[in-house]
Amino acid sequence: KTHVLYSKVGEPEGQNILEELGGFLTDKFEKAGYLKKENRPLKLHATLINTRHRNNGVVASNHDNRQGEPVRIPFNATPIFNKFSNIEFGTCRIESIHISKVGEYDERGRHHSEGGIKLP
């Protein structure tokens, strides 16, 4: 069981632009002290399901660690993975890059942008 289901992000054959850009930005932010050095590779992905955003109306009680927050109920992703593991989501153009703080969300439930740039 899991709380998050994500899909790997790929690039056209022979291109590695996103991976290189991600590595470059991670390195710069680590050296500037904005990120802690982690001994794991950058995981470029698209989140498909996250139980943090599930609205089931159940709220944690006072004996839980996160009193007042919705209870996260894990789900079995195996049937989804078995049925859709070979699905192609298509391509998209990246129009901007944003920096977000972990755990900060906007009114629509998206990661809150601390700032960003538009790409040409």
PDB file of N, CA and C in Angstrom:
ATOM      1  N   LYS A   1       0.840  -1.180   0.000  1.00  0.00           N
ATOM      2  CA  LYS A   1       0.000   0.000   0.000  1.00  0.00           C
ATOM      3  C   LYS A   1       0.886   1.244   0.000  1.00  0.00           C
ATOM      4  N   THR A   2       0.350   2.325  -0.532  1.00  0.00           N
ATOM      5  CA  THR A   2       1.128   3.547  -0.680  1.00  0.00           C
ATOM      6  C   THR A   2       0.235   4.772  -0.498  1.00  0.00           C
ATOM      7  N   HIS A   3       0.862   5.918  -0.373  1.00  0.00           N
ATOM      8  CA  HIS A   3       0.143   7.194  -0.307  1.00  0.00           C
ATOM      9  C   HIS A   3       0.344   8.012  -1.582  1.00  0.00           C
ATOM     10  N   VAL A   4       1.356   7.658  -2.370  1.00  0.00           N
ATOM     11  CA  VAL A   4       1.682   8.433  -3.570  1.00  0.00           C
ATOM     12  C   VAL A   4       1.918   7.491  -4.743  1.00  0.00           C
ATOM     13  N   LEU A   5       1.359   7.851  -5.894  1.00  0.00           N
ATOM     14  CA  LEU A   5       1.608   7.133  -7.140  1.00  0.00           C
ATOM     15  C   LEU A   5       2.158   8.155  -8.121  1.00  0.00           C
ATOM     16  N   TYR A   6       3.311   7.859  -8.684  1.00  0.00           N
ATOM     17  CA  TYR A   6       3.909   8.793  -9.628  1.00  0.00           C
ATOM     18  C   TYR A   6       4.380   8.066 -10.869  1.00  0.00           C
ATOM     19  N   SER A   7       4.606   8.841 -11.915  1.00  0.00           N
ATOM     20  CA  SER A   7       5.094   8.307 -13.181  1.00  0.00           C
ATOM     21  C   SER A   7       6.455   8.917 -13.478  1.00  0.00           C
ATOM     22  N   LYS A   8       7.321   8.116 -14.018  1.00  0.00           N
ATOM     23  CA  LYS A   8       8.629   8.596 -14.437  1.00  0.00           C
ATOM     24  C   LYS A   8       8.466   9.564 -15.608  1.00  0.00           C
ATOM     25  N   VAL A   9       9.300  10.586 -15.646  1.00  0.00           N
ATOM     26  CA  VAL A   9       9.297  11.550 -16.746  1.00  0.00           C
ATOM     27  C   VAL A   9      10.438  11.183 -17.680  1.00  0.00           C
ATOM     28  N   GLY A  10      10.133  11.062 -18.953  1.00  0.00           N
ATOM     29  CA  GLY A  10      11.154  10.715 -19.931  1.00  0.00           C
ATOM     30  C   GLY A  10      11.412  11.844 -20.901  1.00  0.00           C
ATOM     31  N   GLU A  11      12.499  11.715 -21.624  1.00  0.00           N
ATOM     32  CA  GLU A  11      12.852  12.688 -22.654  1.00  0.00           C
ATOM     33  C   GLU A  11      13.050  11.955 -23.974  1.00  0.00           C
ATOM     34  N   PRO A  12      12.949  12.679 -25.084  1.00  0.00           N
ATOM     35  CA  PRO A  12      13.195  12.037 -26.383  1.00  0.00           C
ATOM     36  C   PRO A  12      14.568  11.372 -26.411  1.00  0.00           C
ATOM     37  N   GLU A  13      14.658  10.303 -27.166  1.00  0.00           N
ATOM     38  CA  GLU A  13      15.904   9.535 -27.288  1.00  0.00           C
ATOM     39  C   GLU A  13      17.089  10.459 -27.548  1.00  0.00           C
ATOM     40  N   GLY A  14      18.139  10.273 -26.770  1.00  0.00           N
ATOM     41  CA  GLY A  14      19.359  11.038 -26.968  1.00  0.00           C
ATOM     42  C   GLY A  14      19.383  12.383 -26.257  1.00  0.00           C
ATOM     43  N   GLN A  15      18.280  12.778 -25.640  1.00  0.00           N
ATOM     44  CA  GLN A  15      18.255  14.051 -24.912  1.00  0.00           C
ATOM     45  C   GLN A  15      18.275  13.786 -23.416  1.00  0.00           C
ATOM     46  N   ASN A  16      18.920  14.682 -22.701  1.00  0.00           N
ATOM     47  CA  ASN A  16      19.022  14.559 -21.255  1.00  0.00           C
ATOM     48  C   ASN A  16      18.940  15.947 -20.617  1.00  0.00           C
ATOM     49  N   ILE A  17      18.186  16.839 -21.237  1.00  0.00           N
ATOM     50  CA  ILE A  17      18.148  18.239 -20.831  1.00  0.00           C
ATOM     51  C   ILE A  17      17.562  18.409 -19.426  1.00  0.00           C
ATOM     52  N   LEU A  18      16.428  17.781 -19.154  1.00  0.00           N
ATOM     53  CA  LEU A  18      15.795  17.934 -17.838  1.00  0.00           C
ATOM     54  C   LEU A  18      16.681  17.399 -16.721  1.00  0.00           C
ATOM     55  N   GLU A  19      17.262  16.246 -16.946  1.00  0.00           N
ATOM     56  CA  GLU A  19      18.146  15.645 -15.946  1.00  0.00           C
ATOM     57  C   GLU A  19      19.350  16.553 -15.681  1.00  0.00           C
ATOM     58  N   GLU A  20      19.955  17.075 -16.749  1.00  0.00           N
ATOM     59  CA  GLU A  20      21.107  17.963 -16.594  1.00  0.00           C
ATOM     60  C   GLU A  20      20.723  19.263 -15.897  1.00  0.00           C
ATOM     61  N   LEU A  21      19.600  19.847 -16.285  1.00  0.00           N
ATOM     62  CA  LEU A  21      19.139  21.082 -15.657  1.00  0.00           C
ATOM     63  C   LEU A  21      18.829  20.844 -14.180  1.00  0.00           C
ATOM     64  N   GLY A  22      18.154  19.749 -13.875  1.00  0.00           N
ATOM     65  CA  GLY A  22      17.855  19.418 -12.483  1.00  0.00           C
ATOM     66  C   GLY A  22      19.114  19.247 -11.655  1.00  0.00           C
ATOM     67  N   GLY A  23      20.098  18.552 -12.202  1.00  0.00           N
ATOM     68  CA  GLY A  23      21.370  18.374 -11.508  1.00  0.00           C
ATOM     69  C   GLY A  23      22.102  19.688 -11.302  1.00  0.00           C
ATOM     70  N   PHE A  24      22.095  20.538 -12.321  1.00  0.00           N
ATOM     71  CA  PHE A  24      22.738  21.852 -12.238  1.00  0.00           C
ATOM     72  C   PHE A  24      22.101  22.697 -11.135  1.00  0.00           C
ATOM     73  N   LEU A  25      20.756  22.769 -11.139  1.00  0.00           N
ATOM     74  CA  LEU A  25      20.052  23.584 -10.142  1.00  0.00           C
ATOM     75  C   LEU A  25      20.232  23.027  -8.731  1.00  0.00           C
ATOM     76  N   THR A  26      20.174  21.707  -8.596  1.00  0.00           N
ATOM     77  CA  THR A  26      20.377  21.085  -7.289  1.00  0.00           C
ATOM     78  C   THR A  26      21.757  21.423  -6.750  1.00  0.00           C
ATOM     79  N   ASP A  27      22.775  21.315  -7.589  1.00  0.00           N
ATOM     80  CA  ASP A  27      24.145  21.620  -7.188  1.00  0.00           C
ATOM     81  C   ASP A  27      24.274  23.077  -6.742  1.00  0.00           C
ATOM     82  N   LYS A  28      23.713  24.004  -7.509  1.00  0.00           N
ATOM     83  CA  LYS A  28      23.790  25.434  -7.174  1.00  0.00           C
ATOM     84  C   LYS A  28      23.079  25.730  -5.853  1.00  0.00           C
ATOM     85  N   PHE A  29      21.913  25.126  -5.645  1.00  0.00           N
ATOM     86  CA  PHE A  29      21.160  25.370  -4.416  1.00  0.00           C
ATOM     87  C   PHE A  29      21.848  24.749  -3.208  1.00  0.00           C
ATOM     88  N   GLU A  30      22.491  23.589  -3.385  1.00  0.00           N
ATOM     89  CA  GLU A  30      23.242  22.977  -2.286  1.00  0.00           C
ATOM     90  C   GLU A  30      24.422  23.861  -1.905  1.00  0.00           C
ATOM     91  N   LYS A  31      25.170  24.334  -2.896  1.00  0.00           N
ATOM     92  CA  LYS A  31      26.343  25.174  -2.634  1.00  0.00           C
ATOM     93  C   LYS A  31      25.964  26.505  -1.995  1.00  0.00           C
ATOM     94  N   ALA A  32      24.778  27.025  -2.313  1.00  0.00           N
ATOM     95  CA  ALA A  32      24.313  28.289  -1.738  1.00  0.00           C
ATOM     96  C   ALA A  32      23.695  28.093  -0.351  1.00  0.00           C
ATOM     97  N   GLY A  33      23.536  26.829   0.075  1.00  0.00           N
ATOM     98  CA  GLY A  33      22.987  26.553   1.393  1.00  0.00           C
ATOM     99  C   GLY A  33      21.472  26.474   1.458  1.00  0.00           C
ATOM    100  N   TYR A  34      20.807  26.456   0.309  1.00  0.00           N
ATOM    101  CA  TYR A  34      19.342  26.364   0.279  1.00  0.00           C
ATOM    102  C   TYR A  34      18.844  24.925   0.378  1.00  0.00           C
ATOM    103  N   LEU A  35      19.693  23.976   0.040  1.00  0.00           N
ATOM    104  CA  LEU A  35      19.341  22.553   0.089  1.00  0.00           C
ATOM    105  C   LEU A  35      20.393  21.800   0.882  1.00  0.00           C
ATOM    106  N   LYS A  36      19.946  20.774   1.600  1.00  0.00           N
ATOM    107  CA  LYS A  36      20.887  19.870   2.244  1.00  0.00           C
ATOM    108  C   LYS A  36      21.400  18.902   1.194  1.00  0.00           C
ATOM    109  N   LYS A  37      22.672  18.533   1.308  1.00  0.00           N
ATOM    110  CA  LYS A  37      23.261  17.551   0.403  1.00  0.00           C
ATOM    111  C   LYS A  37      22.610  16.198   0.659  1.00  0.00           C
ATOM    112  N   GLU A  38      22.085  15.592  -0.393  1.00  0.00           N
ATOM    113  CA  GLU A  38      21.467  14.275  -0.276  1.00  0.00           C
ATOM    114  C   GLU A  38      22.234  13.282  -1.136  1.00  0.00           C
ATOM    115  N   ASN A  39      22.388  12.097  -0.623  1.00  0.00           N
ATOM    116  CA  ASN A  39      23.099  11.056  -1.359  1.00  0.00           C
ATOM    117  C   ASN A  39      22.125  10.178  -2.128  1.00  0.00           C
ATOM    118  N   ARG A  40      21.283  10.823  -2.907  1.00  0.00           N
ATOM    119  CA  ARG A  40      20.345  10.098  -3.771  1.00  0.00           C
ATOM    120  C   ARG A  40      20.169  10.920  -5.037  1.00  0.00           C
ATOM    121  N   PRO A  41      19.921  10.241  -6.135  1.00  0.00           N
ATOM    122  CA  PRO A  41      19.767  10.972  -7.400  1.00  0.00           C
ATOM    123  C   PRO A  41      18.451  11.739  -7.447  1.00  0.00           C
ATOM    124  N   LEU A  42      18.430  12.779  -8.242  1.00  0.00           N
ATOM    125  CA  LEU A  42      17.219  13.545  -8.484  1.00  0.00           C
ATOM    126  C   LEU A  42      16.205  12.639  -9.173  1.00  0.00           C
ATOM    127  N   LYS A  43      14.951  12.668  -8.714  1.00  0.00           N
ATOM    128  CA  LYS A  43      13.914  11.818  -9.285  1.00  0.00           C
ATOM    129  C   LYS A  43      12.903  12.698 -10.023  1.00  0.00           C
ATOM    130  N   LEU A  44      13.084  12.836 -11.333  1.00  0.00           N
ATOM    131  CA  LEU A  44      12.124  13.588 -12.132  1.00  0.00           C
ATOM    132  C   LEU A  44      10.881  12.729 -12.297  1.00  0.00           C
ATOM    133  N   HIS A  45       9.721  13.282 -11.904  1.00  0.00           N
ATOM    134  CA  HIS A  45       8.494  12.492 -11.931  1.00  0.00           C
ATOM    135  C   HIS A  45       7.269  13.389 -12.029  1.00  0.00           C
ATOM    136  N   ALA A  46       6.148  12.769 -12.316  1.00  0.00           N
ATOM    137  CA  ALA A  46       4.849  13.442 -12.308  1.00  0.00           C
ATOM    138  C   ALA A  46       3.973  12.710 -11.295  1.00  0.00           C
ATOM    139  N   THR A  47       3.517  13.412 -10.268  1.00  0.00           N
ATOM    140  CA  THR A  47       2.651  12.800  -9.270  1.00  0.00           C
ATOM    141  C   THR A  47       1.261  12.620  -9.861  1.00  0.00           C
ATOM    142  N   LEU A  48       0.757  11.393  -9.810  1.00  0.00           N
ATOM    143  CA  LEU A  48      -0.568  11.077 -10.342  1.00  0.00           C
ATOM    144  C   LEU A  48      -1.623  11.054  -9.240  1.00  0.00           C
ATOM    145  N   ILE A  49      -1.278  10.455  -8.102  1.00  0.00           N
ATOM    146  CA  ILE A  49      -2.187  10.377  -6.958  1.00  0.00           C
ATOM    147  C   ILE A  49      -1.376  10.639  -5.693  1.00  0.00           C
ATOM    148  N   ASN A  50      -1.931  11.467  -4.801  1.00  0.00           N
ATOM    149  CA  ASN A  50      -1.315  11.721  -3.506  1.00  0.00           C
ATOM    150  C   ASN A  50      -2.441  11.795  -2.479  1.00  0.00           C
ATOM    151  N   THR A  51      -2.439  10.877  -1.510  1.00  0.00           N
ATOM    152  CA  THR A  51      -3.536  10.827  -0.541  1.00  0.00           C
ATOM    153  C   THR A  51      -3.582  12.054   0.364  1.00  0.00           C
ATOM    154  N   ARG A  52      -2.560  12.867   0.350  1.00  0.00           N
ATOM    155  CA  ARG A  52      -2.579  14.114   1.123  1.00  0.00           C
ATOM    156  C   ARG A  52      -3.723  15.007   0.652  1.00  0.00           C
ATOM    157  N   HIS A  53      -4.091  14.898  -0.608  1.00  0.00           N
ATOM    158  CA  HIS A  53      -5.120  15.750  -1.187  1.00  0.00           C
ATOM    159  C   HIS A  53      -6.491  15.076  -1.243  1.00  0.00           C
ATOM    160  N   ARG A  54      -6.599  13.896  -0.668  1.00  0.00           N
ATOM    161  CA  ARG A  54      -7.880  13.180  -0.635  1.00  0.00           C
ATOM    162  C   ARG A  54      -8.787  13.849   0.396  1.00  0.00           C
ATOM    163  N   ASN A  55     -10.031  14.070   0.036  1.00  0.00           N
ATOM    164  CA  ASN A  55     -10.984  14.691   0.953  1.00  0.00           C
ATOM    165  C   ASN A  55     -12.008  13.651   1.375  1.00  0.00           C
ATOM    166  N   ASN A  56     -11.703  12.977   2.492  1.00  0.00           N
ATOM    167  CA  ASN A  56     -12.619  11.940   2.964  1.00  0.00           C
ATOM    168  C   ASN A  56     -13.376  12.364   4.217  1.00  0.00           C
ATOM    169  N   GLY A  57     -13.121  13.574   4.701  1.00  0.00           N
ATOM    170  CA  GLY A  57     -13.843  14.100   5.849  1.00  0.00           C
ATOM    171  C   GLY A  57     -13.389  13.579   7.197  1.00  0.00           C
ATOM    172  N   VAL A  58     -12.436  12.648   7.249  1.00  0.00           N
ATOM    173  CA  VAL A  58     -11.955  12.104   8.515  1.00  0.00           C
ATOM    174  C   VAL A  58     -10.773  12.941   8.982  1.00  0.00           C
ATOM    175  N   VAL A  59     -10.836  13.402  10.226  1.00  0.00           N
ATOM    176  CA  VAL A  59      -9.787  14.258  10.775  1.00  0.00           C
ATOM    177  C   VAL A  59      -9.104  13.537  11.926  1.00  0.00           C
ATOM    178  N   ALA A  60      -7.777  13.710  12.026  1.00  0.00           N
ATOM    179  CA  ALA A  60      -7.010  13.060  13.084  1.00  0.00           C
ATOM    180  C   ALA A  60      -7.466  13.552  14.459  1.00  0.00           C
ATOM    181  N   SER A  61      -7.492  12.638  15.433  1.00  0.00           N
ATOM    182  CA  SER A  61      -7.898  12.993  16.797  1.00  0.00           C
ATOM    183  C   SER A  61      -6.695  13.472  17.591  1.00  0.00           C
ATOM    184  N   ASN A  62      -6.921  13.844  18.844  1.00  0.00           N
ATOM    185  CA  ASN A  62      -5.852  14.432  19.646  1.00  0.00           C
ATOM    186  C   ASN A  62      -4.740  13.451  20.005  1.00  0.00           C
ATOM    187  N   HIS A  63      -4.936  12.153  19.842  1.00  0.00           N
ATOM    188  CA  HIS A  63      -3.863  11.206  20.149  1.00  0.00           C
ATOM    189  C   HIS A  63      -2.984  10.920  18.928  1.00  0.00           C
ATOM    190  N   ASP A  64      -3.342  11.489  17.777  1.00  0.00           N
ATOM    191  CA  ASP A  64      -2.524  11.338  16.577  1.00  0.00           C
ATOM    192  C   ASP A  64      -1.457  12.428  16.544  1.00  0.00           C
ATOM    193  N   ASN A  65      -0.421  12.182  15.763  1.00  0.00           N
ATOM    194  CA  ASN A  65       0.668  13.151  15.656  1.00  0.00           C
ATOM    195  C   ASN A  65       0.255  14.445  14.975  1.00  0.00           C
ATOM    196  N   ARG A  66      -0.700  14.403  14.079  1.00  0.00           N
ATOM    197  CA  ARG A  66      -1.073  15.579  13.290  1.00  0.00           C
ATOM    198  C   ARG A  66      -2.530  15.938  13.557  1.00  0.00           C
ATOM    199  N   GLN A  67      -2.793  16.347  14.766  1.00  0.00           N
ATOM    200  CA  GLN A  67      -4.159  16.671  15.178  1.00  0.00           C
ATOM    201  C   GLN A  67      -4.780  17.710  14.253  1.00  0.00           C
ATOM    202  N   GLY A  68      -6.007  17.446  13.826  1.00  0.00           N
ATOM    203  CA  GLY A  68      -6.735  18.390  12.986  1.00  0.00           C
ATOM    204  C   GLY A  68      -6.485  18.240  11.500  1.00  0.00           C
ATOM    205  N   GLU A  69      -5.514  17.432  11.105  1.00  0.00           N
ATOM    206  CA  GLU A  69      -5.242  17.209   9.682  1.00  0.00           C
ATOM    207  C   GLU A  69      -6.044  16.002   9.196  1.00  0.00           C
ATOM    208  N   PRO A  70      -6.401  15.974   7.922  1.00  0.00           N
ATOM    209  CA  PRO A  70      -7.111  14.804   7.388  1.00  0.00           C
ATOM    210  C   PRO A  70      -6.272  13.533   7.550  1.00  0.00           C
ATOM    211  N   VAL A  71      -6.931  12.438   7.857  1.00  0.00           N
ATOM    212  CA  VAL A  71      -6.253  11.149   7.980  1.00  0.00           C
ATOM    213  C   VAL A  71      -5.910  10.661   6.579  1.00  0.00           C
ATOM    214  N   ARG A  72      -4.661  10.267   6.393  1.00  0.00           N
ATOM    215  CA  ARG A  72      -4.238   9.741   5.094  1.00  0.00           C
ATOM    216  C   ARG A  72      -4.472   8.237   5.082  1.00  0.00           C
ATOM    217  N   ILE A  73      -5.237   7.792   4.119  1.00  0.00           N
ATOM    218  CA  ILE A  73      -5.543   6.370   3.993  1.00  0.00           C
ATOM    219  C   ILE A  73      -4.784   5.832   2.785  1.00  0.00           C
ATOM    220  N   PRO A  74      -3.855   4.880   3.001  1.00  0.00           N
ATOM    221  CA  PRO A  74      -3.095   4.345   1.871  1.00  0.00           C
ATOM    222  C   PRO A  74      -3.984   3.532   0.936  1.00  0.00           C
ATOM    223  N   PHE A  75      -3.511   3.354  -0.288  1.00  0.00           N
ATOM    224  CA  PHE A  75      -4.258   2.568  -1.269  1.00  0.00           C
ATOM    225  C   PHE A  75      -3.322   1.580  -1.944  1.00  0.00           C
ATOM    226  N   ASN A  76      -3.891   0.548  -2.523  1.00  0.00           N
ATOM    227  CA  ASN A  76      -3.135  -0.466  -3.240  1.00  0.00           C
ATOM    228  C   ASN A  76      -3.002  -0.011  -4.692  1.00  0.00           C
ATOM    229  N   ALA A  77      -1.809   0.337  -5.105  1.00  0.00           N
ATOM    230  CA  ALA A  77      -1.575   0.838  -6.458  1.00  0.00           C
ATOM    231  C   ALA A  77      -1.326  -0.279  -7.468  1.00  0.00           C
ATOM    232  N   THR A  78      -1.236  -1.520  -7.012  1.00  0.00           N
ATOM    233  CA  THR A  78      -0.914  -2.627  -7.915  1.00  0.00           C
ATOM    234  C   THR A  78      -1.884  -2.757  -9.085  1.00  0.00           C
ATOM    235  N   PRO A  79      -3.214  -2.726  -8.870  1.00  0.00           N
ATOM    236  CA  PRO A  79      -4.122  -2.841 -10.021  1.00  0.00           C
ATOM    237  C   PRO A  79      -3.963  -1.688 -11.021  1.00  0.00           C
ATOM    238  N   ILE A  80      -3.719  -0.493 -10.513  1.00  0.00           N
ATOM    239  CA  ILE A  80      -3.518   0.664 -11.398  1.00  0.00           C
ATOM    240  C   ILE A  80      -2.245   0.465 -12.210  1.00  0.00           C
ATOM    241  N   PHE A  81      -1.184   0.065 -11.517  1.00  0.00           N
ATOM    242  CA  PHE A  81       0.093  -0.156 -12.193  1.00  0.00           C
ATOM    243  C   PHE A  81      -0.024  -1.259 -13.238  1.00  0.00           C
ATOM    244  N   ASN A  82      -0.675  -2.359 -12.890  1.00  0.00           N
ATOM    245  CA  ASN A  82      -0.817  -3.474 -13.833  1.00  0.00           C
ATOM    246  C   ASN A  82      -1.596  -3.078 -15.083  1.00  0.00           C
ATOM    247  N   LYS A  83      -2.621  -2.267 -14.926  1.00  0.00           N
ATOM    248  CA  LYS A  83      -3.460  -1.890 -16.056  1.00  0.00           C
ATOM    249  C   LYS A  83      -2.847  -0.782 -16.910  1.00  0.00           C
ATOM    250  N   PHE A  84      -2.137   0.158 -16.274  1.00  0.00           N
ATOM    251  CA  PHE A  84      -1.694   1.351 -16.995  1.00  0.00           C
ATOM    252  C   PHE A  84      -0.175   1.529 -17.059  1.00  0.00           C
ATOM    253  N   SER A  85       0.599   0.507 -16.742  1.00  0.00           N
ATOM    254  CA  SER A  85       2.055   0.676 -16.667  1.00  0.00           C
ATOM    255  C   SER A  85       2.695   1.048 -17.998  1.00  0.00           C
ATOM    256  N   ASN A  86       2.057   0.738 -19.106  1.00  0.00           N
ATOM    257  CA  ASN A  86       2.636   1.056 -20.416  1.00  0.00           C
ATOM    258  C   ASN A  86       1.999   2.273 -21.073  1.00  0.00           C
ATOM    259  N   ILE A  87       1.242   3.042 -20.324  1.00  0.00           N
ATOM    260  CA  ILE A  87       0.551   4.197 -20.906  1.00  0.00           C
ATOM    261  C   ILE A  87       1.547   5.307 -21.261  1.00  0.00           C
ATOM    262  N   GLU A  88       1.303   5.965 -22.365  1.00  0.00           N
ATOM    263  CA  GLU A  88       2.122   7.092 -22.822  1.00  0.00           C
ATOM    264  C   GLU A  88       1.296   8.352 -22.605  1.00  0.00           C
ATOM    265  N   PHE A  89       1.800   9.259 -21.790  1.00  0.00           N
ATOM    266  CA  PHE A  89       1.063  10.483 -21.479  1.00  0.00           C
ATOM    267  C   PHE A  89       1.258  11.576 -22.525  1.00  0.00           C
ATOM    268  N   GLY A  90       2.130  11.346 -23.483  1.00  0.00           N
ATOM    269  CA  GLY A  90       2.363  12.345 -24.522  1.00  0.00           C
ATOM    270  C   GLY A  90       3.507  13.274 -24.156  1.00  0.00           C
ATOM    271  N   THR A  91       3.557  14.391 -24.832  1.00  0.00           N
ATOM    272  CA  THR A  91       4.627  15.357 -24.605  1.00  0.00           C
ATOM    273  C   THR A  91       4.031  16.703 -24.203  1.00  0.00           C
ATOM    274  N   CYS A  92       4.837  17.496 -23.562  1.00  0.00           N
ATOM    275  CA  CYS A  92       4.404  18.852 -23.221  1.00  0.00           C
ATOM    276  C   CYS A  92       5.609  19.782 -23.273  1.00  0.00           C
ATOM    277  N   ARG A  93       5.327  21.032 -23.494  1.00  0.00           N
ATOM    278  CA  ARG A  93       6.361  22.061 -23.514  1.00  0.00           C
ATOM    279  C   ARG A  93       6.443  22.660 -22.119  1.00  0.00           C
ATOM    280  N   ILE A  94       7.634  22.753 -21.586  1.00  0.00           N
ATOM    281  CA  ILE A  94       7.829  23.368 -20.274  1.00  0.00           C
ATOM    282  C   ILE A  94       7.961  24.869 -20.492  1.00  0.00           C
ATOM    283  N   GLU A  95       7.025  25.618 -19.934  1.00  0.00           N
ATOM    284  CA  GLU A  95       6.977  27.061 -20.151  1.00  0.00           C
ATOM    285  C   GLU A  95       7.648  27.858 -19.047  1.00  0.00           C
ATOM    286  N   SER A  96       7.812  27.254 -17.874  1.00  0.00           N
ATOM    287  CA  SER A  96       8.444  27.976 -16.772  1.00  0.00           C
ATOM    288  C   SER A  96       9.025  26.986 -15.770  1.00  0.00           C
ATOM    289  N   ILE A  97       9.906  27.497 -14.940  1.00  0.00           N
ATOM    290  CA  ILE A  97      10.508  26.717 -13.861  1.00  0.00           C
ATOM    291  C   ILE A  97      10.222  27.474 -12.571  1.00  0.00           C
ATOM    292  N   HIS A  98       9.710  26.763 -11.571  1.00  0.00           N
ATOM    293  CA  HIS A  98       9.393  27.383 -10.285  1.00  0.00           C
ATOM    294  C   HIS A  98      10.134  26.671  -9.167  1.00  0.00           C
ATOM    295  N   ILE A  99      10.459  27.416  -8.146  1.00  0.00           N
ATOM    296  CA  ILE A  99      11.061  26.868  -6.943  1.00  0.00           C
ATOM    297  C   ILE A  99       9.975  26.846  -5.875  1.00  0.00           C
ATOM    298  N   SER A 100       9.770  25.687  -5.266  1.00  0.00           N
ATOM    299  CA  SER A 100       8.736  25.535  -4.243  1.00  0.00           C
ATOM    300  C   SER A 100       9.353  25.040  -2.948  1.00  0.00           C
ATOM    301  N   LYS A 101       8.780  25.470  -1.843  1.00  0.00           N
ATOM    302  CA  LYS A 101       9.216  25.016  -0.530  1.00  0.00           C
ATOM    303  C   LYS A 101       8.419  23.760  -0.179  1.00  0.00           C
ATOM    304  N   VAL A 102       9.097  22.730   0.280  1.00  0.00           N
ATOM    305  CA  VAL A 102       8.432  21.480   0.640  1.00  0.00           C
ATOM    306  C   VAL A 102       7.393  21.750   1.727  1.00  0.00           C
ATOM    307  N   GLY A 103       6.182  21.231   1.515  1.00  0.00           N
ATOM    308  CA  GLY A 103       5.126  21.367   2.504  1.00  0.00           C
ATOM    309  C   GLY A 103       4.292  22.622   2.392  1.00  0.00           C
ATOM    310  N   GLU A 104       4.619  23.517   1.462  1.00  0.00           N
ATOM    311  CA  GLU A 104       3.851  24.751   1.270  1.00  0.00           C
ATOM    312  C   GLU A 104       2.932  24.573   0.068  1.00  0.00           C
ATOM    313  N   TYR A 105       1.632  24.851   0.250  1.00  0.00           N
ATOM    314  CA  TYR A 105       0.659  24.681  -0.825  1.00  0.00           C
ATOM    315  C   TYR A 105      -0.171  25.946  -0.996  1.00  0.00           C
ATOM    316  N   ASP A 106      -0.628  26.194  -2.228  1.00  0.00           N
ATOM    317  CA  ASP A 106      -1.489  27.348  -2.478  1.00  0.00           C
ATOM    318  C   ASP A 106      -2.948  26.961  -2.256  1.00  0.00           C
ATOM    319  N   GLU A 107      -3.856  27.900  -2.512  1.00  0.00           N
ATOM    320  CA  GLU A 107      -5.284  27.666  -2.253  1.00  0.00           C
ATOM    321  C   GLU A 107      -5.878  26.570  -3.125  1.00  0.00           C
ATOM    322  N   ARG A 108      -5.202  26.215  -4.225  1.00  0.00           N
ATOM    323  CA  ARG A 108      -5.690  25.151  -5.109  1.00  0.00           C
ATOM    324  C   ARG A 108      -5.043  23.800  -4.803  1.00  0.00           C
ATOM    325  N   GLY A 109      -4.199  23.752  -3.762  1.00  0.00           N
ATOM    326  CA  GLY A 109      -3.556  22.507  -3.374  1.00  0.00           C
ATOM    327  C   GLY A 109      -2.270  22.214  -4.121  1.00  0.00           C
ATOM    328  N   ARG A 110      -1.814  23.159  -4.937  1.00  0.00           N
ATOM    329  CA  ARG A 110      -0.562  22.972  -5.670  1.00  0.00           C
ATOM    330  C   ARG A 110       0.598  23.467  -4.811  1.00  0.00           C
ATOM    331  N   HIS A 111       1.800  23.007  -5.125  1.00  0.00           N
ATOM    332  CA  HIS A 111       2.976  23.500  -4.415  1.00  0.00           C
ATOM    333  C   HIS A 111       3.058  25.008  -4.587  1.00  0.00           C
ATOM    334  N   HIS A 112       3.268  25.722  -3.478  1.00  0.00           N
ATOM    335  CA  HIS A 112       3.366  27.178  -3.513  1.00  0.00           C
ATOM    336  C   HIS A 112       4.695  27.576  -4.149  1.00  0.00           C
ATOM    337  N   SER A 113       4.644  28.435  -5.147  1.00  0.00           N
ATOM    338  CA  SER A 113       5.850  28.893  -5.834  1.00  0.00           C
ATOM    339  C   SER A 113       6.503  30.018  -5.041  1.00  0.00           C
ATOM    340  N   GLU A 114       7.770  29.840  -4.730  1.00  0.00           N
ATOM    341  CA  GLU A 114       8.554  30.891  -4.082  1.00  0.00           C
ATOM    342  C   GLU A 114       9.082  31.871  -5.122  1.00  0.00           C
ATOM    343  N   GLY A 115       9.039  31.473  -6.370  1.00  0.00           N
ATOM    344  CA  GLY A 115       9.512  32.307  -7.474  1.00  0.00           C
ATOM    345  C   GLY A 115       9.784  31.429  -8.673  1.00  0.00           C
ATOM    346  N   GLY A 116       9.902  32.042  -9.813  1.00  0.00           N
ATOM    347  CA  GLY A 116      10.136  31.260 -11.013  1.00  0.00           C
ATOM    348  C   GLY A 116      10.545  32.126 -12.186  1.00  0.00           C
ATOM    349  N   ILE A 117      10.868  31.459 -13.278  1.00  0.00           N
ATOM    350  CA  ILE A 117      11.220  32.159 -14.513  1.00  0.00           C
ATOM    351  C   ILE A 117      10.466  31.521 -15.672  1.00  0.00           C
ATOM    352  N   LYS A 118      10.121  32.345 -16.637  1.00  0.00           N
ATOM    353  CA  LYS A 118       9.511  31.841 -17.870  1.00  0.00           C
ATOM    354  C   LYS A 118      10.632  31.437 -18.816  1.00  0.00           C
ATOM    355  N   LEU A 119      10.409  30.368 -19.544  1.00  0.00           N
ATOM    356  CA  LEU A 119      11.396  29.899 -20.515  1.00  0.00           C
ATOM    357  C   LEU A 119      11.032  30.419 -21.897  1.00  0.00           C
ATOM    358  N   PRO A 120      12.053  30.612 -22.748  1.00  0.00           N
ATOM    359  CA  PRO A 120      11.769  31.125 -24.104  1.00  0.00           C
ATOM    360  C   PRO A 120      11.008  30.113 -24.954  1.00  0.00           C
TER     361      PRO A 120
END
